[in-house]
């Protein structure tokens, strides 16, 4: 299986930079995400975590109004 992938890739000039770029993108994304999670304000996290519950309450209230 590796022969089918490795063969055509060897003929592309400068192909060795793509794995490095993808590793950098991966590392930068998850580092930024990790930083955001630890610096997010607790009020914002609590607000966002209660959104699904608020929407469910609105749906239940509208069903009760129709009855």
N, C-alpha and C. Protein backbone atom coordinates (compact mmCIF):
# COMPACT_ATOMS: atom_id res chain seq x y z
N UNK A 1 0.82 -1.19 0.00
CA UNK A 1 0.00 0.00 0.00
C UNK A 1 0.87 1.26 0.00
N UNK A 2 1.94 1.24 0.77
CA UNK A 2 2.80 2.41 0.87
C UNK A 2 3.47 2.72 -0.47
N UNK A 3 3.71 1.70 -1.28
CA UNK A 3 4.34 1.91 -2.59
C UNK A 3 3.46 2.79 -3.47
N UNK A 4 2.15 2.61 -3.38
CA UNK A 4 1.23 3.38 -4.22
C UNK A 4 1.19 4.85 -3.80
N UNK A 5 1.46 5.12 -2.54
CA UNK A 5 1.45 6.49 -2.05
C UNK A 5 2.84 7.12 -2.20
N UNK A 6 3.85 6.38 -1.83
CA UNK A 6 5.21 6.91 -1.79
C UNK A 6 5.76 7.17 -3.19
N UNK A 7 5.47 6.33 -4.13
CA UNK A 7 6.02 6.47 -5.49
C UNK A 7 5.66 7.79 -6.15
N UNK A 8 4.37 8.10 -6.31
CA UNK A 8 4.01 9.37 -6.96
C UNK A 8 4.46 10.60 -6.16
N UNK A 9 4.47 10.50 -4.85
CA UNK A 9 4.86 11.65 -4.05
C UNK A 9 6.35 11.98 -4.20
N UNK A 10 7.16 10.98 -4.44
CA UNK A 10 8.60 11.23 -4.62
C UNK A 10 8.89 12.05 -5.86
N UNK A 11 7.99 12.00 -6.82
CA UNK A 11 8.22 12.75 -8.06
C UNK A 11 7.83 14.22 -7.94
N UNK A 12 7.14 14.60 -6.87
CA UNK A 12 6.74 16.00 -6.67
C UNK A 12 7.88 16.73 -5.97
N UNK A 13 8.30 17.83 -6.57
CA UNK A 13 9.39 18.60 -6.01
C UNK A 13 8.89 19.42 -4.82
N UNK A 14 9.59 19.37 -3.71
CA UNK A 14 9.23 20.15 -2.52
C UNK A 14 8.12 19.55 -1.70
N UNK A 15 7.81 18.27 -1.91
CA UNK A 15 6.70 17.63 -1.20
C UNK A 15 6.99 17.45 0.29
N UNK A 16 8.25 17.50 0.68
CA UNK A 16 8.59 17.26 2.10
C UNK A 16 8.13 18.40 3.00
N UNK A 17 7.73 19.53 2.46
CA UNK A 17 7.28 20.65 3.28
C UNK A 17 5.84 20.44 3.76
N UNK A 18 5.03 19.69 3.05
CA UNK A 18 3.62 19.51 3.41
C UNK A 18 3.40 18.85 4.77
N UNK A 19 4.13 17.81 5.12
CA UNK A 19 3.94 17.25 6.47
C UNK A 19 4.34 18.24 7.57
N UNK A 20 5.36 19.04 7.31
CA UNK A 20 5.80 20.03 8.30
C UNK A 20 4.72 21.09 8.48
N UNK A 21 4.14 21.56 7.37
CA UNK A 21 3.08 22.57 7.44
C UNK A 21 1.86 22.02 8.16
N UNK A 22 1.48 20.80 7.86
CA UNK A 22 0.30 20.21 8.51
C UNK A 22 0.55 20.01 10.00
N UNK A 23 1.75 19.64 10.40
CA UNK A 23 2.07 19.50 11.81
C UNK A 23 2.02 20.86 12.51
N UNK A 24 2.52 21.89 11.87
CA UNK A 24 2.48 23.23 12.44
C UNK A 24 1.04 23.72 12.61
N UNK A 25 0.20 23.50 11.60
CA UNK A 25 -1.21 23.90 11.70
C UNK A 25 -1.88 23.16 12.84
N UNK A 26 -1.66 21.86 12.94
CA UNK A 26 -2.23 21.05 14.01
C UNK A 26 -1.77 21.56 15.37
N UNK A 27 -0.50 21.78 15.53
CA UNK A 27 0.07 22.23 16.81
C UNK A 27 -0.45 23.61 17.19
N UNK A 28 -0.46 24.54 16.25
CA UNK A 28 -0.92 25.90 16.52
C UNK A 28 -2.41 25.91 16.88
N UNK A 29 -3.23 25.17 16.15
CA UNK A 29 -4.66 25.12 16.43
C UNK A 29 -4.93 24.61 17.84
N UNK A 30 -4.35 23.47 18.21
CA UNK A 30 -4.64 22.90 19.52
C UNK A 30 -3.98 23.69 20.65
N UNK A 31 -2.87 24.35 20.40
CA UNK A 31 -2.28 25.23 21.40
C UNK A 31 -3.19 26.43 21.64
N UNK A 32 -3.71 27.02 20.58
CA UNK A 32 -4.64 28.16 20.72
C UNK A 32 -5.92 27.73 21.41
N UNK A 33 -6.43 26.57 21.07
CA UNK A 33 -7.65 26.06 21.71
C UNK A 33 -7.41 25.81 23.19
N UNK A 34 -6.29 25.23 23.54
CA UNK A 34 -5.93 24.98 24.94
C UNK A 34 -5.83 26.29 25.70
N UNK A 35 -5.20 27.30 25.09
CA UNK A 35 -5.05 28.61 25.72
C UNK A 35 -6.43 29.25 25.92
N UNK A 36 -7.31 29.16 24.91
CA UNK A 36 -8.64 29.77 25.01
C UNK A 36 -9.46 29.11 26.12
N UNK A 37 -9.37 27.81 26.24
CA UNK A 37 -10.14 27.10 27.27
C UNK A 37 -9.72 27.55 28.66
N UNK A 38 -8.45 27.71 28.87
CA UNK A 38 -7.99 28.08 30.21
C UNK A 38 -8.10 29.57 30.51
N UNK A 39 -8.30 30.40 29.50
CA UNK A 39 -8.45 31.83 29.76
C UNK A 39 -9.89 32.32 29.60
N UNK A 40 -10.81 31.43 29.23
CA UNK A 40 -12.21 31.83 29.06
C UNK A 40 -12.80 32.19 30.41
N UNK A 41 -13.65 33.20 30.40
CA UNK A 41 -14.29 33.64 31.63
C UNK A 41 -15.37 32.64 32.04
N UNK A 42 -15.49 32.42 33.33
CA UNK A 42 -16.44 31.44 33.86
C UNK A 42 -17.88 31.86 33.54
N UNK A 43 -18.17 33.16 33.54
CA UNK A 43 -19.52 33.61 33.21
C UNK A 43 -19.90 33.23 31.79
N UNK A 44 -18.96 33.38 30.87
CA UNK A 44 -19.21 33.02 29.48
C UNK A 44 -19.48 31.52 29.35
N UNK A 45 -18.67 30.71 30.01
CA UNK A 45 -18.84 29.25 29.96
C UNK A 45 -20.20 28.87 30.53
N UNK A 46 -20.60 29.46 31.64
CA UNK A 46 -21.91 29.16 32.23
C UNK A 46 -23.05 29.59 31.32
N UNK A 47 -22.91 30.75 30.69
CA UNK A 47 -23.93 31.23 29.75
C UNK A 47 -24.10 30.26 28.59
N UNK A 48 -23.00 29.88 27.98
CA UNK A 48 -23.03 29.00 26.82
C UNK A 48 -23.54 27.61 27.20
N UNK A 49 -23.19 27.14 28.37
CA UNK A 49 -23.61 25.80 28.77
C UNK A 49 -25.10 25.74 29.08
N UNK A 50 -25.73 26.87 29.38
CA UNK A 50 -27.16 26.85 29.69
C UNK A 50 -28.03 27.10 28.46
N UNK A 51 -27.46 27.39 27.31
CA UNK A 51 -28.24 27.67 26.11
C UNK A 51 -29.15 26.50 25.72
N UNK A 52 -28.66 25.27 25.66
CA UNK A 52 -29.57 24.17 25.28
C UNK A 52 -30.74 24.02 26.26
N UNK A 53 -30.51 24.25 27.52
CA UNK A 53 -31.58 24.12 28.50
C UNK A 53 -32.61 25.23 28.31
N UNK A 54 -32.17 26.44 28.01
CA UNK A 54 -33.09 27.55 27.78
C UNK A 54 -33.95 27.28 26.55
N UNK A 55 -33.36 26.75 25.51
CA UNK A 55 -34.13 26.45 24.30
C UNK A 55 -35.15 25.35 24.56
N UNK A 56 -34.78 24.36 25.36
CA UNK A 56 -35.71 23.28 25.69
C UNK A 56 -36.88 23.82 26.50
N UNK A 57 -36.62 24.74 27.42
CA UNK A 57 -37.68 25.34 28.21
C UNK A 57 -38.62 26.14 27.32
N UNK A 58 -38.09 26.87 26.36
CA UNK A 58 -38.92 27.64 25.44
C UNK A 58 -39.84 26.73 24.63
N UNK A 59 -39.32 25.61 24.18
CA UNK A 59 -40.12 24.65 23.41
C UNK A 59 -41.23 24.08 24.28
N UNK A 60 -40.89 23.70 25.51
CA UNK A 60 -41.89 23.15 26.41
C UNK A 60 -42.96 24.17 26.74
N UNK A 61 -42.57 25.42 26.94
CA UNK A 61 -43.53 26.49 27.26
C UNK A 61 -44.46 26.74 26.08
N UNK A 62 -43.93 26.72 24.85
CA UNK A 62 -44.77 26.96 23.69
C UNK A 62 -45.75 25.81 23.48
N UNK A 63 -45.35 24.58 23.82
CA UNK A 63 -46.26 23.43 23.71
C UNK A 63 -47.38 23.54 24.74
N UNK A 64 -47.05 24.02 25.93
CA UNK A 64 -48.07 24.17 26.98
C UNK A 64 -49.05 25.27 26.60
N UNK A 65 -48.59 26.32 25.93
CA UNK A 65 -49.46 27.42 25.51
C UNK A 65 -50.47 26.92 24.46
N UNK A 66 -50.06 25.99 23.63
CA UNK A 66 -50.95 25.48 22.59
C UNK A 66 -52.01 24.55 23.16
N UNK A 67 -51.77 23.96 24.31
CA UNK A 67 -52.72 23.00 24.90
C UNK A 67 -53.90 23.68 25.51
